[in-house]
Every structure is written in structure tokens, then in C-alpha cells.
């Protein structure tokens, strides 16, 4: 008989793009490392308030860095993450309270569905975003975007043979040249949006509706609050945090870029896409 699995907790919010990156890496490694991966839906706004931290939307330099960082990480980690068109609205106005209460209800009633439901909500807000097509060349809008000076200012580079660089401020489908087409990033706040994500994750319409009806119950509200408070007790000041319980010790690691350090505590690191996963891609 092999060694018993070590417990690793992932505290996350679908409003956090880095939570998605950490989530996918842990899902790739959970069998390789023989870990008991426990997903902990939490509320990032509660953690920010408790710690005194500020979201990237309130710090322009942090927002600029995030935009470029996610673009590089998309290719490095092979996760289809994109920067939302309405970043400020997504981060500061819409929030994720209903979505995280829904995932809390899923975890309470159908924990076997939590991984897929979480992924679908991330896909809605961080993946199915404005992508556009450069019709004259067949290349995507992403091939022509850079982010100089400010996160909401982009430069659209000319098509092959062109000579003019077109500034667009802010990034908006209404301001893009006619050669582009674009689609809206998908909502995670309205009931129908959450139901759509749930059904795409494999739930029946009746099952999804039943869980949605529970998000306003004291049981679900209190559970989300308790999980968020647990993250704060571990020392969280943002998300994701990974909490590893190894050899009688507890280690809290912040961010999606601490997986190599987590591997040091558990097993060897084989890169963000281990061979067993890479063979299936």
C-alpha cells in the first residue's frame, strides 16, 4: 500500500484569474502528487477588506502588469485565459458573490461537481471574451494587441504591408475598426448565467435550479463566510492561497506561481504541464 494522500486546500474565487491558473495546475498534479485536493470557494472581496489589500483595478500599475502577465501565462500554462473587455466593471461593480454562493451550495450538496462548475464560471468571465478577427489575414485580435502605459489603452498594429498604427482608447468593440468582429465576455452574476454554466458543467436543469435556489439560505451564506474567514486565519491577503498539510505542519502559499515551492513540500516539479497531462493535450 502506498503512502496516504496529503491534504492540500485551495481557497479561490472565480473573480480571481490567478485562482484559475492555480486551480488547473493543482488539478493536473493531484494524482501525480497523490494529494487529497480540497476546493474551498471563498470571497475575495471579504479577504481584501479584512487584510486592507486593494484590487488591481484601483492600482493602475498593478492592472497594467496583470494584463501583460495573463497574456504570457496563457501560452506558458496552456490555459485559455483572456483579459475581460470590461475589466473595471467585472472586478469592482459586478463582483462574484452570487457565483461563489452557488459554488458553495454545489460543494455542500454535490461536491463531485465542484471542479467542473468552477471551471465553467471561470470560462465565462476570463475566457470567452472579446477576441475578434483580423479578416484580411485570418489572425486574431490578440496577435495585434499591446498594452503601453495604461491597461485600457491598446495599440492596434497594422495588417501586413500597412504603415499606420491605430491607437484606441479605451478598448471597446465600438471603437475597433470595422475589420474586427468581437463578442462580449459572459456574465456570472445573473441567475440565467449561473444556470448556463452549471448545465455546461454537466448538471441537469432541475439540479442546477435547485442549487441556485439555495444561495440565499443561511446555511450557504454562513458556509461561504466561514470559508472566507478560514482563509483569513491562514493569513490570506488575496487569492488564491494553497494550504498544504504535510508531516504535521501547515504551509500557506499565496498565488499561482508558488506551485514549484509546493512541489518542494510534496513531490518533484515537472513544469506546469506534467508529462501525463501533456500526452493528453
Protein backbone atom coordinates (compact mmCIF):
# COMPACT_ATOMS: atom_id res chain seq x y z
CA UNK A 1 0.00 0.00 0.00
CA UNK A 2 1.33 3.42 -0.96
CA UNK A 3 1.56 6.45 1.32
CA UNK A 4 -1.66 8.12 2.39
CA UNK A 5 -2.53 11.27 0.40
CA UNK A 6 -1.55 14.59 1.92
CA UNK A 7 -4.30 17.21 2.16
CA UNK A 8 -4.00 20.37 0.07
CA UNK A 9 -6.66 23.08 0.27
CA UNK A 10 -7.18 25.63 -2.49
CA UNK A 11 -9.04 28.78 -1.45
CA UNK A 12 -10.27 30.56 -4.57
CA UNK A 13 -12.76 32.95 -6.14
CA UNK A 14 -13.74 32.85 -9.82
CA UNK A 15 -13.23 36.62 -9.90
CA UNK A 16 -9.51 35.93 -9.47
CA UNK A 17 -7.74 34.91 -12.70
CA UNK A 18 -4.71 33.66 -10.81
CA UNK A 19 -7.01 31.38 -8.81
CA UNK A 20 -7.95 29.71 -12.10
CA UNK A 21 -4.30 29.18 -13.00
CA UNK A 22 -3.50 27.62 -9.63
CA UNK A 23 -6.66 25.52 -9.79
CA UNK A 24 -5.75 23.99 -13.15
CA UNK A 25 -2.18 23.20 -12.11
CA UNK A 26 -3.37 21.50 -8.92
CA UNK A 27 -5.94 19.51 -10.88
CA UNK A 28 -3.17 18.37 -13.21
CA UNK A 29 -0.95 17.29 -10.31
CA UNK A 30 -3.41 15.88 -7.77
CA UNK A 31 -2.92 12.26 -8.89
CA UNK A 32 0.79 12.67 -9.62
CA UNK A 33 1.41 14.04 -6.11
CA UNK A 34 -1.18 11.75 -4.51
CA UNK A 35 -2.89 14.63 -2.72
CA UNK A 36 -6.36 14.99 -1.28
CA UNK A 37 -7.26 18.24 -3.06
CA UNK A 38 -9.98 20.14 -1.25
CA UNK A 39 -11.52 23.04 -3.17
CA UNK A 40 -12.61 25.94 -0.94
CA UNK A 41 -14.87 28.52 -2.62
CA UNK A 42 -14.16 31.85 -0.90
CA UNK A 43 -15.00 35.53 -1.35
CA UNK A 44 -12.06 37.64 -2.44
CA UNK A 45 -13.74 40.94 -1.52
CA UNK A 46 -14.07 39.76 2.07
CA UNK A 47 -10.38 38.84 2.18
CA UNK A 48 -9.37 42.17 0.64
CA UNK A 49 -11.40 44.06 3.22
CA UNK A 50 -10.11 42.01 6.14
CA UNK A 51 -6.46 42.40 5.09
CA UNK A 52 -6.60 46.01 3.86
CA UNK A 53 -5.44 44.98 0.40
CA UNK A 54 -6.67 46.67 -2.79
CA UNK A 55 -7.80 45.05 -6.07
CA UNK A 56 -5.76 45.65 -9.25
CA UNK A 57 -8.49 47.91 -10.68
CA UNK A 58 -7.65 50.54 -8.08
CA UNK A 59 -3.91 50.42 -8.80
CA UNK A 60 -3.22 51.21 -12.48
CA UNK A 61 0.31 49.82 -12.45
CA UNK A 62 -0.94 46.55 -10.99
CA UNK A 63 -3.69 46.38 -13.60
CA UNK A 64 -1.20 47.00 -16.40
CA UNK A 65 1.07 44.30 -15.08
CA UNK A 66 -1.81 41.84 -14.82
CA UNK A 67 -2.87 42.40 -18.43
CA UNK A 68 0.58 41.59 -19.76
CA UNK A 69 1.18 38.82 -17.24
CA UNK A 70 -2.00 36.93 -18.14
CA UNK A 71 -1.15 37.14 -21.82
CA UNK A 72 2.20 35.42 -21.20
CA UNK A 73 0.74 32.90 -18.76
CA UNK A 74 -1.99 31.92 -21.22
CA UNK A 75 0.65 30.47 -23.53
CA UNK A 76 3.02 29.21 -20.85
CA UNK A 77 0.36 27.30 -18.90
CA UNK A 78 -1.87 26.46 -21.90
CA UNK A 79 -4.96 27.82 -20.16
CA UNK A 80 -7.30 29.89 -22.39
CA UNK A 81 -7.36 32.96 -20.14
CA UNK A 82 -8.06 36.41 -21.58
CA UNK A 83 -8.36 39.88 -20.08
CA UNK A 84 -12.05 40.94 -19.84
CA UNK A 85 -13.14 43.80 -22.02
CA UNK A 86 -14.96 45.50 -19.13
CA UNK A 87 -12.28 44.80 -16.54
CA UNK A 88 -13.26 47.51 -14.05
CA UNK A 89 -16.92 46.54 -14.20
CA UNK A 90 -16.10 42.87 -13.70
CA UNK A 91 -13.76 43.49 -10.78
CA UNK A 92 -15.35 46.42 -8.96
CA UNK A 93 -19.05 46.51 -9.87
CA UNK A 94 -20.36 43.06 -10.76
CA UNK A 95 -18.33 41.01 -8.32
CA UNK A 96 -18.76 37.30 -7.67
CA UNK A 97 -21.00 36.97 -4.59
CA UNK A 98 -23.79 35.03 -6.31
CA UNK A 99 -21.33 32.82 -8.19
CA UNK A 100 -19.37 31.95 -5.05
CA UNK A 101 -22.55 31.26 -3.08
CA UNK A 102 -23.62 28.96 -5.88
CA UNK A 103 -20.30 27.11 -5.77
CA UNK A 104 -20.63 26.88 -2.01
CA UNK A 105 -24.04 25.24 -2.49
CA UNK A 106 -22.51 22.87 -5.04
CA UNK A 107 -19.78 21.95 -2.55
CA UNK A 108 -22.36 21.25 0.15
CA UNK A 109 -24.76 19.23 -1.99
CA UNK A 110 -22.77 17.83 -4.92
CA UNK A 111 -19.02 18.19 -4.24
CA UNK A 112 -18.24 15.89 -7.16
CA UNK A 113 -19.48 18.67 -9.48
CA UNK A 114 -17.46 21.49 -7.91
CA UNK A 115 -14.41 21.23 -10.16
CA UNK A 116 -16.40 21.40 -13.40
CA UNK A 117 -18.80 24.09 -12.17
CA UNK A 118 -15.91 26.28 -11.00
CA UNK A 119 -14.13 25.89 -14.33
CA UNK A 120 -17.22 26.87 -16.29
CA UNK A 121 -17.68 30.06 -14.28
CA UNK A 122 -14.03 30.97 -14.84
CA UNK A 123 -14.50 30.29 -18.54
CA UNK A 124 -17.42 32.71 -18.67
CA UNK A 125 -15.63 35.67 -17.15
CA UNK A 126 -11.97 35.05 -18.07
CA UNK A 127 -12.01 33.05 -21.30
CA UNK A 128 -15.00 33.73 -23.53
CA UNK A 129 -14.10 37.38 -24.02
CA UNK A 130 -13.71 39.78 -26.91
CA UNK A 131 -11.41 38.02 -29.31
CA UNK A 132 -12.15 39.49 -32.71
CA UNK A 133 -10.79 38.51 -36.11
CA UNK A 134 -8.43 40.34 -38.45
CA UNK A 135 -10.41 39.39 -41.52
CA UNK A 136 -7.78 40.32 -44.07
CA UNK A 137 -5.19 37.94 -42.59
CA UNK A 138 -7.12 35.37 -40.57
CA UNK A 139 -5.15 36.30 -37.46
CA UNK A 140 -6.79 37.00 -34.11
CA UNK A 141 -7.06 40.37 -32.41
CA UNK A 142 -4.69 39.13 -29.72
CA UNK A 143 -1.90 38.98 -32.31
CA UNK A 144 -2.07 42.76 -32.67
CA UNK A 145 -2.57 43.98 -29.09
CA UNK A 146 -0.01 45.53 -26.78
CA UNK A 147 -0.60 47.39 -23.53
CA UNK A 148 1.53 50.58 -23.31
CA UNK A 149 1.31 52.93 -20.30
CA UNK A 150 -2.24 52.09 -19.22
CA UNK A 151 -4.25 48.92 -19.09
CA UNK A 152 -7.16 50.41 -21.04
CA UNK A 153 -5.06 51.84 -23.84
CA UNK A 154 -4.14 49.49 -26.67
CA UNK A 155 -2.27 49.82 -29.93
CA UNK A 156 -3.73 48.01 -32.93
CA UNK A 157 -0.85 47.21 -35.22
CA UNK A 158 -1.41 47.47 -38.97
CA UNK A 159 -2.04 44.45 -41.17
CA UNK A 160 0.87 43.13 -43.20
CA UNK A 161 2.03 45.80 -45.63
CA UNK A 162 0.35 48.59 -43.67
CA UNK A 163 2.14 51.56 -42.19
CA UNK A 164 -0.24 53.13 -39.67
CA UNK A 165 -0.55 52.19 -36.01
CA UNK A 166 -4.01 52.98 -34.70
CA UNK A 167 -4.39 53.96 -31.02
CA UNK A 168 -7.68 53.01 -29.42
CA UNK A 169 -8.63 54.40 -26.00
CA UNK A 170 -10.35 52.77 -24.24
CA UNK A 171 -10.51 49.21 -25.53
CA UNK A 172 -14.09 48.91 -26.71
CA UNK A 173 -15.76 46.97 -29.54
CA UNK A 174 -17.48 50.21 -30.55
CA UNK A 175 -14.10 51.84 -31.22
CA UNK A 176 -12.49 48.99 -33.14
CA UNK A 177 -12.12 49.27 -36.92
CA UNK A 178 -14.75 47.52 -38.98
CA UNK A 179 -12.32 44.73 -39.92
CA UNK A 180 -12.73 43.37 -36.40
CA UNK A 181 -15.64 41.45 -35.02
CA UNK A 182 -15.99 40.89 -31.28
CA UNK A 183 -18.04 39.05 -28.71
CA UNK A 184 -18.94 40.01 -25.14
CA UNK A 185 -17.38 38.34 -22.16
CA UNK A 186 -20.04 36.31 -20.41
CA UNK A 187 -21.79 37.24 -17.18
CA UNK A 188 -21.53 35.34 -13.87
CA UNK A 189 -23.92 37.45 -11.78
CA UNK A 190 -27.37 36.85 -13.27
CA UNK A 191 -29.29 33.66 -12.39
CA UNK A 192 -29.55 32.56 -16.01
CA UNK A 193 -25.80 32.97 -16.44
CA UNK A 194 -25.08 30.77 -13.44
CA UNK A 195 -27.58 28.18 -14.65
CA UNK A 196 -25.95 28.15 -18.08
CA UNK A 197 -22.54 27.50 -16.52
CA UNK A 198 -23.98 24.75 -14.31
CA UNK A 199 -25.64 22.96 -17.20
CA UNK A 200 -22.47 23.23 -19.27
CA UNK A 201 -20.66 21.59 -16.34
CA UNK A 202 -22.98 18.61 -16.65
CA UNK A 203 -25.81 19.36 -14.23
CA UNK A 204 -29.40 18.82 -15.16
CA UNK A 205 -31.60 21.90 -15.36
CA UNK A 206 -33.52 20.74 -12.29
CA UNK A 207 -30.35 20.10 -10.30
CA UNK A 208 -28.89 23.49 -11.20
CA UNK A 209 -32.12 25.33 -10.37
CA UNK A 210 -32.35 23.55 -7.02
CA UNK A 211 -28.83 24.66 -6.08
CA UNK A 212 -29.46 28.21 -7.28
CA UNK A 213 -32.49 28.46 -5.02
CA UNK A 214 -30.26 27.68 -2.03
CA UNK A 215 -27.78 30.55 -2.46
CA UNK A 216 -29.89 32.86 -0.28
CA UNK A 217 -30.22 30.36 2.58
CA UNK A 218 -28.42 30.94 5.89
CA UNK A 219 -26.62 27.60 5.50
CA UNK A 220 -24.94 28.61 2.25
CA UNK A 221 -24.26 32.21 3.32
CA UNK A 222 -22.71 31.09 6.59
CA UNK A 223 -20.59 28.43 4.91
CA UNK A 224 -19.11 30.93 2.44
CA UNK A 225 -18.44 33.34 5.30
CA UNK A 226 -16.77 30.61 7.36
CA UNK A 227 -14.57 29.50 4.46
CA UNK A 228 -13.51 33.09 3.76
CA UNK A 229 -12.73 33.62 7.45
CA UNK A 230 -10.70 30.40 7.44
CA UNK A 231 -8.60 31.79 4.58
CA UNK A 232 -8.06 34.97 6.58
CA UNK A 233 -6.94 32.96 9.62
CA UNK A 234 -4.34 31.26 7.44
CA UNK A 235 -3.05 34.75 6.60
CA UNK A 236 -4.65 35.38 3.20
CA UNK A 237 -4.47 38.88 1.75
CA UNK A 238 -5.72 37.88 -1.69
CA UNK A 239 -6.44 34.73 -3.69
CA UNK A 240 -5.57 32.05 -4.46
CA UNK A 241 -3.96 30.59 -1.39
CA UNK A 242 -2.87 26.98 -1.23
CA UNK A 243 -2.67 25.39 2.20
CA UNK A 244 -0.64 22.20 2.40
CA UNK A 245 -0.82 19.92 5.42
CA UNK A 246 2.40 17.90 5.32
CA UNK A 247 4.05 15.84 8.06
CA UNK A 248 2.09 17.52 10.82
CA UNK A 249 2.88 21.03 9.56
CA UNK A 250 0.70 23.56 7.75
CA UNK A 251 2.11 25.73 4.96
CA UNK A 252 0.20 28.64 3.38
CA UNK A 253 1.37 29.66 -0.09
CA UNK A 254 -0.03 32.70 -1.88
CA UNK A 255 -0.51 32.94 -5.63
CA UNK A 256 -0.50 30.60 -8.59
CA UNK A 257 3.27 30.95 -9.01
CA UNK A 258 4.16 29.02 -5.84
CA UNK A 259 3.50 25.57 -7.28
CA UNK A 260 7.20 24.77 -7.59
CA UNK A 261 7.57 25.55 -3.89
CA UNK A 262 4.53 23.36 -3.16
CA UNK A 263 6.23 20.58 -5.12
CA UNK A 264 9.26 21.00 -2.88
CA UNK A 265 6.99 20.17 0.07
CA UNK A 266 5.27 17.26 -1.67
CA UNK A 267 6.96 15.72 -4.70
CA UNK A 268 9.09 16.72 -7.66
CA UNK A 269 8.11 19.53 -10.04
CA UNK A 270 7.74 18.63 -13.71
CA UNK A 271 6.66 22.02 -15.02
CA UNK A 272 3.16 23.49 -15.32
CA UNK A 273 2.14 20.75 -17.75
CA UNK A 274 3.43 17.43 -16.40
CA UNK A 275 4.11 14.64 -18.93
CA UNK A 276 0.97 12.69 -18.08
CA UNK A 277 -1.16 15.74 -18.89
CA UNK A 278 0.90 16.82 -21.88
CA UNK A 279 0.34 13.44 -23.50
CA UNK A 280 -3.41 14.09 -23.49
CA UNK A 281 -3.25 17.63 -24.92
